[in-house]
Protein backbone atom coordinates (compact mmCIF):
# COMPACT_ATOMS: atom_id res chain seq x y z
CA MET A 1 -54.03 -35.40 34.05
CA GLY A 2 -54.66 -34.67 37.62
CA GLN A 3 -56.76 -31.55 39.17
CA GLN A 4 -55.27 -29.18 41.62
CA GLN A 5 -57.10 -27.89 44.26
CA ILE A 6 -56.99 -24.46 45.39
CA THR A 7 -58.17 -22.89 48.46
CA LEU A 8 -60.34 -19.48 48.86
CA GLU A 9 -57.40 -18.20 50.75
CA ASP A 10 -54.85 -18.79 47.73
CA VAL A 11 -57.49 -17.10 45.49
CA TYR A 12 -57.86 -14.12 47.85
CA GLN A 13 -53.83 -14.03 47.93
CA LYS A 14 -53.63 -13.98 44.05
CA VAL A 15 -56.37 -11.24 43.87
CA SER A 16 -54.87 -9.17 46.36
CA LYS A 17 -51.67 -9.30 44.32
CA ILE A 18 -53.42 -8.41 41.46
CA GLU A 19 -54.73 -5.25 43.03
CA ILE A 20 -51.54 -3.94 44.22
CA PHE A 21 -50.05 -4.69 40.87
CA MET A 22 -53.07 -2.58 38.98
CA SER A 23 -52.36 0.27 41.32
CA LYS A 24 -49.12 0.32 40.77
CA MET A 25 -49.67 0.12 37.03
CA ASP A 26 -52.20 3.08 37.60
CA GLN A 27 -49.60 5.28 38.91
CA TYR A 28 -47.10 4.27 36.30
CA LEU A 29 -49.61 5.09 33.61
CA GLU A 30 -50.08 8.67 35.40
CA ASP A 31 -46.34 9.28 35.48
CA LEU A 32 -45.97 8.26 31.68
CA GLU A 33 -48.56 10.73 31.08
CA PHE A 34 -46.86 13.49 32.85
CA ALA A 35 -43.58 12.62 31.30
CA ARG A 36 -45.34 12.70 27.86
CA ARG A 37 -46.77 16.23 28.46
CA THR A 38 -43.76 17.57 29.58
CA GLU A 39 -41.61 16.32 26.80
CA GLU A 40 -44.27 17.97 24.39
CA ALA A 41 -44.09 21.18 26.40
CA TYR A 42 -40.29 21.14 26.34
CA GLN A 43 -40.23 20.10 22.65
CA ARG A 44 -42.59 23.47 21.95
CA HIS A 45 -40.39 25.60 23.99
CA GLU A 46 -37.47 24.46 22.07
CA ALA A 47 -38.99 25.42 18.93
CA GLY A 48 -40.10 28.79 20.04
CA ASP A 49 -43.77 27.49 20.28
CA PHE A 50 -44.96 28.82 23.46
CA ILE A 51 -47.06 31.51 25.26
CA GLU A 52 -46.69 33.68 28.25
CA LEU A 53 -49.25 33.17 31.05
CA ASP A 54 -50.08 35.17 33.99
CA GLU A 55 -50.15 33.45 37.45
CA LYS A 56 -53.90 32.88 37.26
CA GLU A 57 -53.93 31.34 33.81
CA PHE A 58 -50.68 29.47 34.92
CA LEU A 59 -52.60 27.87 37.92
CA LYS A 60 -55.77 27.20 36.02
CA GLU A 61 -53.35 25.36 33.20
CA MET A 62 -51.89 23.22 35.81
CA LYS A 63 -54.98 21.99 37.36
CA LYS A 64 -55.60 20.16 34.22
CA TRP A 65 -52.77 18.03 34.57
């Protein structure tokens, strides 16, 4: 069984690709969380289980998202 040589440049390129992939994954996770919360809010609204907020309270809640 032969050994394969790999250069530091090859390692750097692979690590760089992994970093790019992970940053995209972070964005996908944020998008999924937003979609989950949106769906949850929609279901509550459809069930009639929602509250009214004034502008200040609404913006305060939005900052939590």
